[in-house]
Every structure is written in structure tokens, then in C-alpha cells.
Amino acid sequence: MKTFYIIANTDKAESLRLSEEIAAYLTSRGKHCVIRSQEQEQKEAHGELLKEEVEGILVLGGDGTLLRAARELADRRIPFLGINMGHLGYLAEIEEQNVYSALEKLIADEYTIEERMMLSGSVYVNGACVEQDVALNDIVLNRFGNLRVVDYEVYVNEQYLNSFTADGIIVSTPTGSTGYSLSAGGPIISPTASMLMLTPICPHTLNSRSIVFSSRDRIRIRIGEGRRGGLDEACVTFDGDTCVQLRTGDYVEICKSAEVTRILKINQVSFLEVLRNKLSRS
């Protein structure tokens, strides 16, 4: 690799410091490197990518920083390397103390690229599509306003599956299975798999479980009626961002996205080893 683009979590001073140090190091090795500015972050702009043939994107922060970058740049198909400056970094593979050895491997083209499936979601309010977005981890419907459970009607490939009375519903990718879905009791799935997983959040039942679907399936989640036929309110988020408010009758359609996130793999470490290390530290 010869050309790099750095995205740092601007809320963390150590991420900004390290981004400058990495840029200086790559420049000293005769490589070209651009750091995304705070002004570009505020505008969610990546203008420099249009000017350069960027070969790799270095993301400094936690998994949240990489998730946001993956969504913003989903159509560019440029691979990411996550440098963990957070706590649990399932996506951010490289720890700070190993940064420079990882950079040398990138320069020497000693890496592999792992493709992760993404979700595509379309939000319908009053029958009209008001939002379309992608997610690497999950698309989540959650209650909004009053602290009471909501009735979520779930359809798969136009067939009614079930109604879940719950705080919310998570539809996750295999990559997202170690995120919010895991906290809600969902299973862990190998990140290179291709499937969709639906997990209710605090369901009002004794026997609710996660359900795994084929990546070819399409899921529709509709907000049901509230108590005594009234209106219920919920919201939908994409990787914890892009919140859209929903009311009774509104729905979200979710399927596998045509886009993928490409992750640079430096260490030939299996997912099971990464998982074991993270779980032992949590």
C-alpha cells in the first residue's frame, strides 16, 4: 500500500495524537497519507478521498468509530484497518502498541482482506419511504417516549411470523452478533457468515429466543397498535445512528445489502482466539 486515509475519533485526544504520529511515520517511509479534518467530520464529508487513489483506511478509536466510517464509505469498497483506542475492539484488531509493526505489513502488502456483510434498511412512515441506510452491526427498533413495551409485528418474505411485545427488536449481521444483540441474549456468530439474526429486547414472555434467517430473506417489522387501540411510538437506528421516529402502522424493511465492509487482517488470528481474549477481559 502506498496511499492511506486516517479517520480518528476526534473526541479522544490520544486518537488525534496517534493519527499525527502515524501520518508522520508513513510520510517518512515515502507514502502518502491524509488525515480527515474535524471540519470534514462535522459535515460527514470525505472530500480528500475523491482526490486520491486511497488504498487503505486507518480508523483510530473503538468499534463505534469504525462502524460510522463503514456506513459513510460503504460504496467506496476501500478496506479498513481498525486501531483500537477504546475498550472492547472486536472490529479494531490492532492495539496501540502494535501500530508500527502493522503499518510495515501494510506497506509490504502482507495482509488479507475479509469481507463482512451489511444490512440495508428502508423506513416507511405513513406509507412513504422516508429513509434508506446501511448498517454493519445492526438495525434496531426501540420504544420511544413513554416507558412501556411496544407491539412489533414481524413478517418474513411477506409472511406473518409473530408479534413481539417488547422494548425493541434487533436485526443484526454476524459482525453485530458480538454487539447489542449479545447483550440482549443473542448468540455469537462467526463474522464471515452470511445470515440475519432477529433478537427481541426484554420481551414480555418467558420463551422468546433469537431467530436466525437466511441472508436471502427480507424482514419487515411493523409498529402495532398501542393499548386500547391507541398510537404507540418507537424509533429505528442504524448502528446506533440515524434515528427515525415511528408510530403505529409505520414499518421498516430489512435485507442483506449489496454493499460489504472490507476489513484488513494483519494478524492471522482466528475469530475464536479473538473472542476468547475479549471475553476474558470483559
Protein backbone atom coordinates (compact mmCIF):
# COMPACT_ATOMS: atom_id res chain seq x y z
CA MET A 1 0.00 0.00 0.00
CA LYS A 2 1.16 3.50 -0.84
CA THR A 3 -1.77 5.80 -0.08
CA PHE A 4 -3.61 5.97 3.22
CA TYR A 5 -6.53 7.86 4.75
CA ILE A 6 -6.85 8.28 8.52
CA ILE A 7 -10.11 8.67 10.42
CA ALA A 8 -9.69 9.36 14.13
CA ASN A 9 -12.16 9.69 16.97
CA THR A 10 -11.89 13.45 17.50
CA ASP A 11 -13.40 13.15 20.97
CA LYS A 12 -10.25 11.41 22.17
CA ALA A 13 -7.03 13.42 22.38
CA GLU A 14 -4.92 10.26 22.23
CA SER A 15 -6.52 9.30 18.89
CA LEU A 16 -5.66 12.69 17.41
CA ARG A 17 -2.11 12.46 18.74
CA LEU A 18 -1.58 8.99 17.31
CA SER A 19 -3.06 9.96 13.93
CA GLU A 20 -0.44 12.71 13.58
CA GLU A 21 2.33 10.31 14.57
CA ILE A 22 1.14 7.69 12.08
CA ALA A 23 0.93 10.27 9.28
CA ALA A 24 4.48 11.44 10.03
CA TYR A 25 5.74 7.85 10.06
CA LEU A 26 4.10 6.95 6.74
CA THR A 27 5.43 10.13 5.15
CA SER A 28 8.93 9.26 6.34
CA ARG A 29 8.53 5.89 4.58
CA GLY A 30 7.68 7.64 1.32
CA LYS A 31 3.93 7.00 1.49
CA HIS A 32 1.08 9.47 1.05
CA CYS A 33 -1.32 9.97 3.95
CA VAL A 34 -4.32 12.25 4.51
CA ILE A 35 -5.98 12.82 7.89
CA ARG A 36 -9.68 13.57 7.96
CA SER A 37 -10.18 17.01 9.49
CA GLN A 38 -12.63 17.87 12.25
CA GLU A 39 -14.48 20.13 9.78
CA GLN A 40 -14.96 17.20 7.42
CA GLU A 41 -16.19 15.04 10.31
CA GLN A 42 -18.82 17.60 11.26
CA LYS A 43 -20.04 17.67 7.65
CA GLU A 44 -19.71 13.86 7.30
CA ALA A 45 -17.57 14.63 4.26
CA HIS A 46 -14.66 12.71 2.77
CA GLY A 47 -13.62 15.09 0.03
CA GLU A 48 -9.98 14.02 0.06
CA LEU A 49 -10.99 10.50 -0.98
CA LEU A 50 -12.23 11.93 -4.27
CA LYS A 51 -8.79 13.38 -4.98
CA GLU A 52 -6.59 10.42 -4.15
CA GLU A 53 -6.49 6.72 -5.02
CA VAL A 54 -6.68 5.66 -1.39
CA GLU A 55 -5.71 2.02 -0.88
CA GLY A 56 -6.37 1.69 2.84
CA ILE A 57 -8.28 3.49 5.58
CA LEU A 58 -6.88 3.55 9.11
CA VAL A 59 -9.55 4.05 11.76
CA LEU A 60 -8.38 5.14 15.21
CA GLY A 61 -10.90 4.68 18.00
CA GLY A 62 -13.23 1.97 19.20
CA ASP A 63 -15.63 -0.17 17.22
CA GLY A 64 -18.11 2.73 17.11
CA THR A 65 -15.69 4.87 15.09
CA LEU A 66 -15.17 2.07 12.58
CA LEU A 67 -18.91 1.39 12.31
CA ARG A 68 -19.59 5.01 11.45
CA ALA A 69 -16.79 5.08 8.87
CA ALA A 70 -18.03 1.84 7.30
CA ARG A 71 -21.51 3.31 6.82
CA GLU A 72 -20.28 6.62 5.44
CA LEU A 73 -17.93 4.92 2.96
CA ALA A 74 -19.92 1.79 2.17
CA ASP A 75 -19.93 2.44 -1.57
CA ARG A 76 -16.15 3.02 -1.87
CA ARG A 77 -15.07 -0.60 -1.23
CA ILE A 78 -11.80 0.58 0.36
CA PRO A 79 -10.55 -1.78 3.11
CA PHE A 80 -10.35 -0.64 6.74
CA LEU A 81 -7.83 -1.33 9.46
CA GLY A 82 -9.15 -0.65 12.95
CA ILE A 83 -6.69 0.57 15.59
CA ASN A 84 -8.26 0.07 18.99
CA MET A 85 -8.29 3.13 21.23
CA GLY A 86 -11.44 2.05 23.05
CA HIS A 87 -12.33 -0.83 25.35
CA LEU A 88 -13.62 -3.96 23.60
CA GLY A 89 -12.43 -3.88 20.00
CA TYR A 90 -13.94 -6.78 18.07
CA LEU A 91 -13.56 -4.83 14.81
CA ALA A 92 -10.49 -2.79 15.74
CA GLU A 93 -7.91 -5.57 15.56
CA ILE A 94 -4.68 -3.65 16.19
CA GLU A 95 -3.75 -2.45 19.67
CA GLU A 96 -1.85 0.84 20.02
CA GLN A 97 1.43 -0.83 20.98
CA ASN A 98 1.42 -2.83 17.72
CA VAL A 99 0.64 0.03 15.32
CA TYR A 100 4.02 0.41 13.65
CA SER A 101 4.57 -3.29 13.00
CA ALA A 102 1.09 -3.35 11.43
CA LEU A 103 1.95 -0.36 9.22
CA GLU A 104 5.06 -2.13 7.99
CA LYS A 105 2.96 -5.13 6.96
CA LEU A 106 0.57 -2.85 5.07
CA ILE A 107 3.48 -1.19 3.28
CA ALA A 108 4.85 -4.63 2.36
CA ASP A 109 1.39 -5.82 1.23
CA GLU A 110 1.41 -8.57 3.86
CA TYR A 111 -2.29 -8.69 4.66
CA THR A 112 -5.55 -10.32 3.73
CA ILE A 113 -8.98 -8.74 3.24
CA GLU A 114 -12.06 -10.10 4.98
CA GLU A 115 -15.49 -9.12 3.65
CA ARG A 116 -18.34 -8.56 6.11
CA MET A 117 -21.97 -8.45 5.07
CA MET A 118 -24.06 -5.34 5.76
CA LEU A 119 -27.76 -4.69 6.20
CA SER A 120 -29.93 -2.43 4.10
CA GLY A 121 -32.95 -0.81 5.74
CA SER A 122 -35.85 1.19 4.34
CA VAL A 123 -38.06 3.15 6.74
CA TYR A 124 -41.71 3.76 5.83
CA VAL A 125 -43.73 6.45 7.61
CA ASN A 126 -47.39 6.91 6.61
CA GLY A 127 -46.76 4.56 3.69
CA ALA A 128 -43.88 6.58 2.19
CA CYS A 129 -40.18 5.69 2.31
CA VAL A 130 -38.50 8.45 4.33
CA GLU A 131 -35.07 6.93 4.99
CA GLN A 132 -32.74 4.35 3.47
CA ASP A 133 -29.44 3.44 5.05
CA VAL A 134 -26.99 0.61 5.64
CA ALA A 135 -25.56 -0.92 8.80
CA LEU A 136 -22.58 -3.13 9.52
CA ASN A 137 -23.68 -4.21 13.01
CA ASP A 138 -27.43 -3.90 13.39
CA ILE A 139 -30.68 -2.11 12.75
CA VAL A 140 -32.61 -1.61 15.99
CA LEU A 141 -36.22 -0.67 16.66
CA ASN A 142 -36.76 0.56 20.18
CA ARG A 143 -39.53 2.18 22.20
CA PHE A 144 -39.76 5.95 22.14
CA GLY A 145 -41.35 8.30 24.62
CA ASN A 146 -43.39 6.55 27.32
CA LEU A 147 -41.59 3.77 29.17
CA ARG A 148 -43.80 0.90 28.13
CA VAL A 149 -43.45 -2.10 25.85
CA VAL A 150 -44.39 -1.89 22.17
CA ASP A 151 -46.06 -4.49 19.93
CA TYR A 152 -43.75 -5.31 16.99
CA GLU A 153 -45.33 -7.29 14.14
CA VAL A 154 -42.69 -9.29 12.26
CA TYR A 155 -43.09 -10.51 8.67
CA VAL A 156 -40.54 -12.58 6.74
CA ASN A 157 -40.78 -12.68 2.95
CA GLU A 158 -44.28 -11.16 3.21
CA GLN A 159 -45.45 -13.93 5.57
CA TYR A 160 -46.51 -13.11 9.11
CA LEU A 161 -44.14 -14.63 11.68
CA ASN A 162 -45.11 -13.33 15.12
CA SER A 163 -45.86 -10.28 17.23
CA PHE A 164 -43.30 -9.48 19.92
CA THR A 165 -44.36 -7.37 22.89
CA ALA A 166 -41.00 -5.99 23.93
CA ASP A 167 -38.83 -2.95 24.49
CA GLY A 168 -37.45 -3.40 20.99
CA ILE A 169 -36.17 -5.65 18.20
CA ILE A 170 -32.59 -6.07 16.98
CA VAL A 171 -31.82 -7.29 13.48
CA SER A 172 -28.09 -7.92 13.31
CA THR A 173 -25.41 -9.21 10.99
CA PRO A 174 -22.90 -11.86 12.09
CA THR A 175 -20.50 -8.97 12.77
CA GLY A 176 -23.15 -7.39 15.01
CA SER A 177 -23.70 -10.61 16.94
CA THR A 178 -20.98 -9.52 19.41
CA GLY A 179 -22.63 -6.11 19.94
CA TYR A 180 -26.06 -5.09 21.21
CA SER A 181 -27.54 -8.44 20.20
CA LEU A 182 -25.12 -10.26 22.50
CA SER A 183 -26.15 -8.01 25.40
CA ALA A 184 -29.79 -8.87 24.67
CA GLY A 185 -29.07 -12.60 24.92
CA GLY A 186 -28.39 -13.36 21.26
CA PRO A 187 -25.84 -15.95 20.11
CA ILE A 188 -22.36 -15.21 18.78
CA ILE A 189 -21.94 -15.98 15.06
CA SER A 190 -18.72 -16.15 13.06
CA PRO A 191 -18.35 -12.71 11.41
CA THR A 192 -17.67 -14.11 7.94
CA ALA A 193 -21.02 -15.93 7.84
CA SER A 194 -23.90 -14.58 5.77
CA MET A 195 -27.19 -14.50 7.66
CA LEU A 196 -29.62 -12.23 9.51
CA MET A 197 -30.46 -12.59 13.18
CA LEU A 198 -33.53 -11.22 14.97
CA THR A 199 -33.37 -10.74 18.74
CA PRO A 200 -36.17 -9.24 20.89
CA ILE A 201 -35.11 -6.77 23.59
CA CYS A 202 -36.65 -7.56 27.01
CA PRO A 203 -39.67 -9.39 25.55
CA HIS A 204 -42.79 -9.74 27.70
CA THR A 205 -42.70 -13.54 27.56
CA LEU A 206 -40.94 -16.49 29.14
CA ASN A 207 -39.83 -18.30 25.99
CA SER A 208 -38.62 -15.76 23.43
CA ARG A 209 -35.37 -16.59 21.61
CA SER A 210 -33.26 -15.16 18.82
CA ILE A 211 -34.16 -16.36 15.32
CA VAL A 212 -31.59 -16.80 12.54
CA PHE A 213 -32.62 -16.25 8.92
CA SER A 214 -31.01 -16.79 5.55
CA SER A 215 -29.28 -13.78 4.01
CA ARG A 216 -31.79 -14.09 1.15
CA ASP A 217 -34.73 -13.36 3.47
CA ARG A 218 -36.44 -9.97 3.80
CA ILE A 219 -37.74 -8.90 7.20
CA ARG A 220 -40.49 -6.35 7.77
CA ILE A 221 -41.16 -5.02 11.27
CA ARG A 222 -44.35 -3.03 11.76
CA ILE A 223 -45.32 -0.99 14.83
CA GLY A 224 -48.58 -2.41 16.17
CA GLU A 225 -51.43 -0.67 17.96
CA GLY A 226 -51.00 0.61 21.48
CA ARG A 227 -53.24 -0.07 24.42
CA ARG A 228 -56.96 0.31 23.78
CA GLY A 229 -56.27 0.86 20.09
CA GLY A 230 -54.12 3.93 20.67
CA LEU A 231 -50.91 5.00 18.98
CA ASP A 232 -47.57 3.55 20.00
CA GLU A 233 -44.24 5.24 19.31
CA ALA A 234 -40.84 3.75 18.51
CA CYS A 235 -37.63 4.72 16.75
CA VAL A 236 -35.23 2.94 14.41
CA THR A 237 -31.45 3.36 14.40
CA PHE A 238 -28.70 2.14 12.08
CA ASP A 239 -25.59 1.12 14.01
CA GLY A 240 -26.79 3.39 16.81
CA ASP A 241 -27.11 6.37 14.46
CA THR A 242 -29.67 7.94 12.06
CA CYS A 243 -32.62 7.80 14.45
CA VAL A 244 -36.04 7.94 12.74
CA GLN A 245 -39.23 8.14 14.78
CA LEU A 246 -42.05 5.67 14.06
CA ARG A 247 -45.70 5.40 15.07
CA THR A 248 -48.36 2.72 14.84
CA GLY A 249 -48.64 1.48 11.23
CA ASP A 250 -45.13 2.55 10.23
CA TYR A 251 -42.63 -0.15 9.37
CA VAL A 252 -39.04 -0.97 8.45
CA GLU A 253 -37.93 -3.39 5.73
CA ILE A 254 -34.54 -5.03 6.25
CA CYS A 255 -32.47 -7.25 3.97
CA LYS A 256 -28.87 -8.04 3.10
CA SER A 257 -27.16 -5.05 1.50
CA ALA A 258 -25.38 -5.20 -1.83
CA GLU A 259 -22.51 -3.38 -0.11
CA VAL A 260 -19.90 -5.08 2.05
CA THR A 261 -17.34 -3.79 4.52
CA ARG A 262 -13.79 -4.89 3.74
CA ILE A 263 -11.59 -5.42 6.82
CA LEU A 264 -7.81 -5.59 6.61
CA LYS A 265 -6.42 -8.56 8.52
CA ILE A 266 -2.81 -8.25 9.64
CA ASN A 267 -2.61 -10.94 12.28
CA GLN A 268 -3.55 -14.45 11.23
CA VAL A 269 -5.56 -14.87 14.42
CA SER A 270 -8.77 -16.86 14.35
CA PHE A 271 -12.09 -15.40 15.39
CA LEU A 272 -12.26 -17.90 18.25
CA GLU A 273 -8.94 -16.66 19.65
CA VAL A 274 -10.05 -13.03 19.41
CA LEU A 275 -13.33 -13.93 21.08
CA ARG A 276 -11.61 -15.81 23.88
CA ASN A 277 -9.30 -12.88 24.59
CA LYS A 278 -12.12 -10.33 24.59
CA LEU A 279 -14.40 -12.40 26.80
CA SER A 280 -11.64 -12.99 29.33
CA ARG A 281 -11.14 -9.21 29.59
CA SER A 282 -14.83 -8.26 29.80
